[in-house]
Structures are given as structure tokens and as C-alpha cells.
Amino acid sequence: EGWMVEAEFVPAPKSLVPKQHIEIIGPMLPKRHSPLQANGNGNQGCYLAGISDALGHLLMALTEADALASNAQDRLAEPELDGHVLEDIHQIETDQSIPVTQRMQLAKARIGQGLFRKRVILLDQACRVTGVSDKRVLIASHIKPWKYASNAERISGYNGILLSPHVDALFDERLITFEDDGTMHVHPSLPPDVLDRWSIDPSRRVNAFRPEQSGFLLHHRELFAKKIA
């Protein structure tokens, strides 16, 4: 007996030596069961490791995997379905108060696909922080987290922000947040060298957000403040 994981292997267009990119890969590695050591060498004691959606997008960018077939790329871009995600999807699918078509949209939005992402891309043409505009390597991130949002908010494009993978990791962990005018706030626990190495200037104001996004940003700032307290 054992565990089976369905996988499809596709050659990457460009080879990657993790050690050469450990400064940007390192902060995004899982704390437990990491496929890499802190110095960038492989973890020989780890047979199979899971990584975050953000790190997956970053690796795709580093290996120029945007040349992969679109269906394979879609699968690589899906977040890992942990128990909490599956539970949320089950609740959506069994909620008879929601029309069937909307239930499908909500379920897709929960795993980063479908209507939510399309609506965010209609509003944001590039990452607000890095300026990267290739949608294939950008993440549509919820401003007000899924677990706190109403069904309508979960698929609202105004509750989304398009970010590069490493910026998404900071935003999702409430290590950075934004004012309505685009001013960035940085959590005091974040080492300054992280932003330096990622060429993120916290003093540079990003494009102002739309009025419809104000309430979502306020919620994110409140979570940011709680993380400081």
C-alpha cells in the first residue's frame, strides 16, 4: 500500500539551478518538508514536497515555462487543494440557496480560477508593485480573504489585486498592505533586506486603487494591524 499522486512531467524550456536564485526562492519555501536546504542544495531526505502557488508561479517564470501548453500551465497554476479548501468547496456545492451556475463560479474562484481571476484582470493590467504585465505569471489575489468574504465579495473583481508571485506572498501574509492612494506599509517583522533583494521600494507609491476597493483594503489593513499587535 502507499500514496499515489497524479502527475504530468513536461520538459522546462530553460534549466534552473536553485542555488543561483536562493535569495528569492528561499523566503517562499515551506517551513516543513522543504525540497531545498537553506543554502540551495537539494533536501535528500525529502522524497516528494508540496510548494505554494506563489512559488510555483515564480519557478515557471524562472524556467520560462510560459512556453508550456496552456492546459498543462493551467494545472501548474492551481493552488494546492488542502483540507480547508476542499471543505470550502464542499460547502459551496451543497448550498442550495446559491444557484448552480454561481456555485460553480464560487468553487472555481476558491482555487484561483474562473470568473474572479477574469474580473481582476479586467481591472488590473499588471502587478501594481513590479509592473510585470504577463498575466501567465501573475496571481489574482483576494484583498479581503476568502474566509472573511461574502459570496458576492469572493467573485468581485474589486476584491482582487494582480501581483507578482513574491509580492503576493508578502500581501497574503499581511507583511505589506496599502492605503487607498497606493501608499505601502511594511510589517516591522519583515527584514529590510527582503525588499532590497526583491527590488521593492516601499517608499514608492503604487497606482491609486478604485473607490470600490476601499472597503476591502480597509479590511486588509485591519488584519495587518492585528498582526503587529
C-alpha atoms as a PDB file:
ATOM      1  CA  GLU A   1       0.000   0.000   0.000  1.00  0.00           C
ATOM      2  CA  GLY A   2       1.021   3.604  -0.485  1.00  0.00           C
ATOM      3  CA  TRP A   3       0.032   7.012  -1.771  1.00  0.00           C
ATOM      4  CA  MET A   4      -0.442   7.889  -5.413  1.00  0.00           C
ATOM      5  CA  VAL A   5      -0.117  11.411  -6.770  1.00  0.00           C
ATOM      6  CA  GLU A   6      -1.232  12.012 -10.348  1.00  0.00           C
ATOM      7  CA  ALA A   7       1.459  13.997 -12.147  1.00  0.00           C
ATOM      8  CA  GLU A   8       2.419  15.016 -15.644  1.00  0.00           C
ATOM      9  CA  PHE A   9       6.058  15.761 -16.442  1.00  0.00           C
ATOM     10  CA  VAL A  10       6.815  18.381 -19.081  1.00  0.00           C
ATOM     11  CA  PRO A  11      10.357  19.494 -20.047  1.00  0.00           C
ATOM     12  CA  ALA A  12      11.064  23.063 -18.931  1.00  0.00           C
ATOM     13  CA  PRO A  13      12.255  25.372 -21.734  1.00  0.00           C
ATOM     14  CA  LYS A  14      15.095  26.638 -19.550  1.00  0.00           C
ATOM     15  CA  SER A  15      17.133  24.782 -16.928  1.00  0.00           C
ATOM     16  CA  LEU A  16      17.211  26.110 -13.380  1.00  0.00           C
ATOM     17  CA  VAL A  17      19.913  25.924 -10.714  1.00  0.00           C
ATOM     18  CA  PRO A  18      18.007  26.726  -7.493  1.00  0.00           C
ATOM     19  CA  LYS A  19      21.195  27.741  -5.685  1.00  0.00           C
ATOM     20  CA  GLN A  20      21.639  30.653  -8.091  1.00  0.00           C
ATOM     21  CA  HIS A  21      18.200  32.015  -7.171  1.00  0.00           C
ATOM     22  CA  ILE A  22      18.004  31.048  -3.495  1.00  0.00           C
ATOM     23  CA  GLU A  23      17.695  34.699  -2.400  1.00  0.00           C
ATOM     24  CA  ILE A  24      14.259  34.961  -3.996  1.00  0.00           C
ATOM     25  CA  ILE A  25      13.238  31.311  -3.717  1.00  0.00           C
ATOM     26  CA  GLY A  26      14.317  30.868  -0.086  1.00  0.00           C
ATOM     27  CA  PRO A  27      11.665  33.057   1.612  1.00  0.00           C
ATOM     28  CA  MET A  28       8.908  31.198  -0.265  1.00  0.00           C
ATOM     29  CA  LEU A  29       9.987  27.652   0.627  1.00  0.00           C
ATOM     30  CA  PRO A  30       7.744  25.675   3.004  1.00  0.00           C
ATOM     31  CA  LYS A  31       8.890  25.711   6.623  1.00  0.00           C
ATOM     32  CA  ARG A  32       8.480  21.923   6.864  1.00  0.00           C
ATOM     33  CA  HIS A  33       9.348  19.256   4.299  1.00  0.00           C
ATOM     34  CA  SER A  34      11.103  21.741   2.031  1.00  0.00           C
ATOM     35  CA  PRO A  35      12.565  20.355  -1.219  1.00  0.00           C
ATOM     36  CA  LEU A  36      15.616  22.615  -0.741  1.00  0.00           C
ATOM     37  CA  GLN A  37      18.006  23.380   2.081  1.00  0.00           C
ATOM     38  CA  ALA A  38      18.661  26.972   3.165  1.00  0.00           C
ATOM     39  CA  ASN A  39      21.844  27.053   1.062  1.00  0.00           C
ATOM     40  CA  GLY A  40      20.002  25.995  -2.093  1.00  0.00           C
ATOM     41  CA  ASN A  41      21.134  22.380  -2.137  1.00  0.00           C
ATOM     42  CA  GLY A  42      18.535  19.665  -2.530  1.00  0.00           C
ATOM     43  CA  ASN A  43      16.977  18.080   0.541  1.00  0.00           C
ATOM     44  CA  GLN A  44      17.934  14.424   0.154  1.00  0.00           C
ATOM     45  CA  GLY A  45      15.558  13.400   2.941  1.00  0.00           C
ATOM     46  CA  CYS A  46      12.526  14.777   1.125  1.00  0.00           C
ATOM     47  CA  TYR A  47      11.093  12.417  -1.493  1.00  0.00           C
ATOM     48  CA  LEU A  48       8.056  14.470  -2.516  1.00  0.00           C
ATOM     49  CA  ALA A  49       7.361  18.063  -1.482  1.00  0.00           C
ATOM     50  CA  GLY A  50       4.479  20.440  -1.955  1.00  0.00           C
ATOM     51  CA  ILE A  51       5.065  24.123  -2.704  1.00  0.00           C
ATOM     52  CA  SER A  52       2.821  27.178  -2.656  1.00  0.00           C
ATOM     53  CA  ASP A  53       1.017  28.574  -5.672  1.00  0.00           C
ATOM     54  CA  ALA A  54       3.201  31.694  -5.438  1.00  0.00           C
ATOM     55  CA  LEU A  55       6.437  29.685  -5.578  1.00  0.00           C
ATOM     56  CA  GLY A  56       5.051  27.618  -8.441  1.00  0.00           C
ATOM     57  CA  HIS A  57       4.428  30.770 -10.480  1.00  0.00           C
ATOM     58  CA  LEU A  58       7.907  32.064  -9.670  1.00  0.00           C
ATOM     59  CA  LEU A  59       9.556  28.822 -10.808  1.00  0.00           C
ATOM     60  CA  MET A  60       7.523  28.915 -14.005  1.00  0.00           C
ATOM     61  CA  ALA A  61       8.819  32.413 -14.681  1.00  0.00           C
ATOM     62  CA  LEU A  62      12.433  31.466 -13.921  1.00  0.00           C
ATOM     63  CA  THR A  63      12.300  28.446 -16.234  1.00  0.00           C
ATOM     64  CA  GLU A  64      10.354  30.353 -18.900  1.00  0.00           C
ATOM     65  CA  ALA A  65       7.625  27.755 -18.561  1.00  0.00           C
ATOM     66  CA  ASP A  66       5.167  30.129 -20.196  1.00  0.00           C
ATOM     67  CA  ALA A  67       6.026  28.173 -23.337  1.00  0.00           C
ATOM     68  CA  LEU A  68       4.237  25.141 -21.908  1.00  0.00           C
ATOM     69  CA  ALA A  69       0.944  24.024 -23.377  1.00  0.00           C
ATOM     70  CA  SER A  70      -1.927  26.034 -21.939  1.00  0.00           C
ATOM     71  CA  ASN A  71      -3.680  23.067 -20.336  1.00  0.00           C
ATOM     72  CA  ALA A  72      -0.530  21.975 -18.532  1.00  0.00           C
ATOM     73  CA  GLN A  73       0.068  25.569 -17.471  1.00  0.00           C
ATOM     74  CA  ASP A  74      -3.408  25.818 -16.001  1.00  0.00           C
ATOM     75  CA  ARG A  75      -2.776  22.760 -13.853  1.00  0.00           C
ATOM     76  CA  LEU A  76       0.565  24.128 -12.664  1.00  0.00           C
ATOM     77  CA  ALA A  77      -1.100  27.396 -11.719  1.00  0.00           C
ATOM     78  CA  GLU A  78      -3.709  25.793  -9.469  1.00  0.00           C
ATOM     79  CA  PRO A  79      -3.141  26.176  -5.732  1.00  0.00           C
ATOM     80  CA  GLU A  80      -2.641  23.052  -3.683  1.00  0.00           C
ATOM     81  CA  LEU A  81      -6.009  21.732  -2.529  1.00  0.00           C
ATOM     82  CA  ASP A  82      -5.591  21.253   1.199  1.00  0.00           C
ATOM     83  CA  GLY A  83      -8.313  20.087   3.570  1.00  0.00           C
ATOM     84  CA  HIS A  84      -9.639  23.583   4.234  1.00  0.00           C
ATOM     85  CA  VAL A  85     -10.045  24.312   0.532  1.00  0.00           C
ATOM     86  CA  LEU A  86     -11.841  21.037  -0.098  1.00  0.00           C
ATOM     87  CA  GLU A  87     -14.146  21.723   2.850  1.00  0.00           C
ATOM     88  CA  ASP A  88     -14.998  25.180   1.492  1.00  0.00           C
ATOM     89  CA  ILE A  89     -15.738  23.760  -1.953  1.00  0.00           C
ATOM     90  CA  HIS A  90     -17.965  21.063  -0.446  1.00  0.00           C
ATOM     91  CA  GLN A  91     -19.947  23.704   1.467  1.00  0.00           C
ATOM     92  CA  ILE A  92     -20.406  25.721  -1.708  1.00  0.00           C
ATOM     93  CA  GLU A  93     -21.520  22.738  -3.762  1.00  0.00           C
ATOM     94  CA  THR A  94     -24.108  21.695  -1.159  1.00  0.00           C
ATOM     95  CA  ASP A  95     -25.515  25.197  -0.509  1.00  0.00           C
ATOM     96  CA  GLN A  96     -28.926  25.012  -2.173  1.00  0.00           C
ATOM     97  CA  SER A  97     -29.535  28.743  -1.599  1.00  0.00           C
ATOM     98  CA  ILE A  98     -26.963  29.526  -4.302  1.00  0.00           C
ATOM     99  CA  PRO A  99     -27.835  28.947  -7.990  1.00  0.00           C
ATOM    100  CA  VAL A 100     -25.943  26.075  -9.580  1.00  0.00           C
ATOM    101  CA  THR A 101     -24.022  28.291 -12.021  1.00  0.00           C
ATOM    102  CA  GLN A 102     -22.918  30.615  -9.226  1.00  0.00           C
ATOM    103  CA  ARG A 103     -21.864  27.643  -7.096  1.00  0.00           C
ATOM    104  CA  MET A 104     -19.586  26.539  -9.911  1.00  0.00           C
ATOM    105  CA  GLN A 105     -18.120  30.035 -10.216  1.00  0.00           C
ATOM    106  CA  LEU A 106     -17.522  30.252  -6.465  1.00  0.00           C
ATOM    107  CA  ALA A 107     -15.839  26.853  -6.398  1.00  0.00           C
ATOM    108  CA  LYS A 108     -13.537  27.856  -9.245  1.00  0.00           C
ATOM    109  CA  ALA A 109     -12.770  31.166  -7.563  1.00  0.00           C
ATOM    110  CA  ARG A 110     -11.775  29.283  -4.415  1.00  0.00           C
ATOM    111  CA  ILE A 111      -8.948  27.581  -6.259  1.00  0.00           C
ATOM    112  CA  GLY A 112      -7.842  30.704  -8.092  1.00  0.00           C
ATOM    113  CA  GLN A 113      -9.616  30.089 -11.396  1.00  0.00           C
ATOM    114  CA  GLY A 114     -12.619  31.283 -13.350  1.00  0.00           C
ATOM    115  CA  LEU A 115     -14.684  34.400 -13.036  1.00  0.00           C
ATOM    116  CA  PHE A 116     -12.763  36.017 -10.165  1.00  0.00           C
ATOM    117  CA  ARG A 117      -9.432  35.984 -11.988  1.00  0.00           C
ATOM    118  CA  LYS A 118     -11.000  37.272 -15.204  1.00  0.00           C
ATOM    119  CA  ARG A 119     -12.654  40.148 -13.351  1.00  0.00           C
ATOM    120  CA  VAL A 120      -9.422  41.098 -11.596  1.00  0.00           C
ATOM    121  CA  ILE A 121      -7.543  41.116 -14.915  1.00  0.00           C
ATOM    122  CA  LEU A 122     -10.168  43.468 -16.370  1.00  0.00           C
ATOM    123  CA  LEU A 123      -9.304  45.950 -13.611  1.00  0.00           C
ATOM    124  CA  ASP A 124      -5.555  45.384 -13.247  1.00  0.00           C
ATOM    125  CA  GLN A 125      -3.337  45.159 -16.318  1.00  0.00           C
ATOM    126  CA  ALA A 126      -0.102  44.484 -14.422  1.00  0.00           C
ATOM    127  CA  CYS A 127       1.363  43.890 -10.979  1.00  0.00           C
ATOM    128  CA  ARG A 128       0.995  47.164  -9.093  1.00  0.00           C
ATOM    129  CA  VAL A 129       4.393  46.771  -7.450  1.00  0.00           C
ATOM    130  CA  THR A 130       6.688  45.256 -10.095  1.00  0.00           C
ATOM    131  CA  GLY A 131       4.941  46.419 -13.247  1.00  0.00           C
ATOM    132  CA  VAL A 132       5.107  42.910 -14.766  1.00  0.00           C
ATOM    133  CA  SER A 133       2.220  42.589 -17.228  1.00  0.00           C
ATOM    134  CA  ASP A 134       2.472  38.957 -18.403  1.00  0.00           C
ATOM    135  CA  LYS A 135      -0.758  37.543 -16.962  1.00  0.00           C
ATOM    136  CA  ARG A 136       0.573  33.994 -17.189  1.00  0.00           C
ATOM    137  CA  VAL A 137       2.936  34.571 -14.264  1.00  0.00           C
ATOM    138  CA  LEU A 138       0.722  36.850 -12.153  1.00  0.00           C
ATOM    139  CA  ILE A 139      -1.599  35.898  -9.320  1.00  0.00           C
ATOM    140  CA  ALA A 140      -5.109  37.267  -8.793  1.00  0.00           C
ATOM    141  CA  SER A 141      -5.081  37.640  -5.019  1.00  0.00           C
ATOM    142  CA  HIS A 142      -8.066  38.346  -2.773  1.00  0.00           C
ATOM    143  CA  ILE A 143      -7.714  41.601  -0.817  1.00  0.00           C
ATOM    144  CA  LYS A 144     -10.332  40.600   1.750  1.00  0.00           C
ATOM    145  CA  PRO A 145      -9.511  36.931   2.384  1.00  0.00           C
ATOM    146  CA  TRP A 146     -11.914  34.266   1.175  1.00  0.00           C
ATOM    147  CA  LYS A 147     -12.857  33.093   4.662  1.00  0.00           C
ATOM    148  CA  TYR A 148     -13.996  36.590   5.691  1.00  0.00           C
ATOM    149  CA  ALA A 149     -15.748  37.499   2.427  1.00  0.00           C
ATOM    150  CA  SER A 150     -19.385  37.096   1.432  1.00  0.00           C
ATOM    151  CA  ASN A 151     -20.245  35.024  -1.623  1.00  0.00           C
ATOM    152  CA  ALA A 152     -20.570  38.175  -3.733  1.00  0.00           C
ATOM    153  CA  GLU A 153     -17.252  39.536  -2.456  1.00  0.00           C
ATOM    154  CA  ARG A 154     -15.482  36.282  -3.268  1.00  0.00           C
ATOM    155  CA  ILE A 155     -16.015  36.730  -7.001  1.00  0.00           C
ATOM    156  CA  SER A 156     -15.907  40.531  -7.111  1.00  0.00           C
ATOM    157  CA  GLY A 157     -13.058  41.878  -9.212  1.00  0.00           C
ATOM    158  CA  TYR A 158     -12.825  44.848  -6.849  1.00  0.00           C
ATOM    159  CA  ASN A 159     -11.787  42.425  -4.104  1.00  0.00           C
ATOM    160  CA  GLY A 160      -8.773  41.411  -6.152  1.00  0.00           C
ATOM    161  CA  ILE A 161      -5.303  42.661  -6.895  1.00  0.00           C
ATOM    162  CA  LEU A 162      -2.945  41.358  -9.567  1.00  0.00           C
ATOM    163  CA  LEU A 163       0.501  40.662  -8.119  1.00  0.00           C
ATOM    164  CA  SER A 164       3.804  39.038  -8.987  1.00  0.00           C
ATOM    165  CA  PRO A 165       4.309  35.792  -7.031  1.00  0.00           C
ATOM    166  CA  HIS A 166       6.782  37.128  -4.472  1.00  0.00           C
ATOM    167  CA  VAL A 167       4.682  40.257  -3.862  1.00  0.00           C
ATOM    168  CA  ASP A 168       1.574  38.085  -3.492  1.00  0.00           C
ATOM    169  CA  ALA A 169       3.354  36.086  -0.786  1.00  0.00           C
ATOM    170  CA  LEU A 170       4.029  39.293   1.174  1.00  0.00           C
ATOM    171  CA  PHE A 171       0.484  40.604   0.679  1.00  0.00           C
ATOM    172  CA  ASP A 172      -1.174  37.294   1.530  1.00  0.00           C
ATOM    173  CA  GLU A 173       0.805  37.034   4.784  1.00  0.00           C
ATOM    174  CA  ARG A 174      -0.097  40.654   5.637  1.00  0.00           C
ATOM    175  CA  LEU A 175       3.585  41.616   5.600  1.00  0.00           C
ATOM    176  CA  ILE A 176       2.669  44.521   3.334  1.00  0.00           C
ATOM    177  CA  THR A 177      -0.588  46.416   2.861  1.00  0.00           C
ATOM    178  CA  PHE A 178      -1.785  49.509   1.002  1.00  0.00           C
ATOM    179  CA  GLU A 179      -3.683  52.735   1.579  1.00  0.00           C
ATOM    180  CA  ASP A 180      -6.337  53.726  -0.940  1.00  0.00           C
ATOM    181  CA  ASP A 181      -3.880  56.175  -2.535  1.00  0.00           C
ATOM    182  CA  GLY A 182      -1.304  53.418  -3.122  1.00  0.00           C
ATOM    183  CA  THR A 183       0.956  54.113  -0.140  1.00  0.00           C
ATOM    184  CA  MET A 184       2.614  50.886   1.013  1.00  0.00           C
ATOM    185  CA  HIS A 185       3.036  49.856   4.646  1.00  0.00           C
ATOM    186  CA  VAL A 186       5.596  47.218   5.621  1.00  0.00           C
ATOM    187  CA  HIS A 187       5.283  44.941   8.650  1.00  0.00           C
ATOM    188  CA  PRO A 188       8.091  45.619  11.165  1.00  0.00           C
ATOM    189  CA  SER A 189       8.908  41.905  11.375  1.00  0.00           C
ATOM    190  CA  LEU A 190       9.933  41.783   7.700  1.00  0.00           C
ATOM    191  CA  PRO A 191      13.729  42.047   7.353  1.00  0.00           C
ATOM    192  CA  PRO A 192      14.602  45.099   5.195  1.00  0.00           C
ATOM    193  CA  ASP A 193      16.943  43.029   3.030  1.00  0.00           C
ATOM    194  CA  VAL A 194      13.983  41.020   1.702  1.00  0.00           C
ATOM    195  CA  LEU A 195      12.575  44.086  -0.042  1.00  0.00           C
ATOM    196  CA  ASP A 196      16.051  45.182  -1.116  1.00  0.00           C
ATOM    197  CA  ARG A 197      16.825  41.843  -2.744  1.00  0.00           C
ATOM    198  CA  TRP A 198      13.471  41.837  -4.490  1.00  0.00           C
ATOM    199  CA  SER A 199      13.991  45.446  -5.661  1.00  0.00           C
ATOM    200  CA  ILE A 200      10.822  46.615  -3.910  1.00  0.00           C
ATOM    201  CA  ASP A 201      10.907  50.268  -2.860  1.00  0.00           C
ATOM    202  CA  PRO A 202       8.386  50.656  -0.003  1.00  0.00           C
ATOM    203  CA  SER A 203       8.515  54.450  -0.310  1.00  0.00           C
ATOM    204  CA  ARG A 204       7.247  54.350  -3.896  1.00  0.00           C
ATOM    205  CA  ARG A 205       3.504  54.797  -4.099  1.00  0.00           C
ATOM    206  CA  VAL A 206       1.724  52.361  -6.428  1.00  0.00           C
ATOM    207  CA  ASN A 207      -1.232  53.393  -8.574  1.00  0.00           C
ATOM    208  CA  ALA A 208      -4.215  54.532  -6.532  1.00  0.00           C
ATOM    209  CA  PHE A 209      -6.984  51.999  -6.016  1.00  0.00           C
ATOM    210  CA  ARG A 210     -10.566  52.423  -7.157  1.00  0.00           C
ATOM    211  CA  PRO A 211     -13.191  53.755  -4.700  1.00  0.00           C
ATOM    212  CA  GLU A 212     -14.965  50.366  -4.850  1.00  0.00           C
ATOM    213  CA  GLN A 213     -11.836  48.735  -3.388  1.00  0.00           C
ATOM    214  CA  SER A 214     -11.669  50.975  -0.330  1.00  0.00           C
ATOM    215  CA  GLY A 215     -13.650  48.686   1.979  1.00  0.00           C
ATOM    216  CA  PHE A 216     -11.636  45.625   1.009  1.00  0.00           C
ATOM    217  CA  LEU A 217      -8.351  47.461   1.584  1.00  0.00           C
ATOM    218  CA  LEU A 218      -9.583  48.674   4.973  1.00  0.00           C
ATOM    219  CA  HIS A 219     -10.211  45.060   5.986  1.00  0.00           C
ATOM    220  CA  HIS A 220      -6.718  44.066   4.826  1.00  0.00           C
ATOM    221  CA  ARG A 221      -5.167  46.934   6.805  1.00  0.00           C
ATOM    222  CA  GLU A 222      -7.085  45.860   9.903  1.00  0.00           C
ATOM    223  CA  LEU A 223      -5.660  42.337   9.587  1.00  0.00           C
ATOM    224  CA  PHE A 224      -2.222  43.898   9.030  1.00  0.00           C
ATOM    225  CA  ALA A 225      -2.622  45.930  12.243  1.00  0.00           C
ATOM    226  CA  LYS A 226      -3.687  42.843  14.212  1.00  0.00           C
ATOM    227  CA  LYS A 227      -0.544  41.074  13.034  1.00  0.00           C
ATOM    228  CA  ILE A 228       1.520  43.911  14.529  1.00  0.00           C
ATOM    229  CA  ALA A 229      -0.348  43.951  17.856  1.00  0.00           C
END
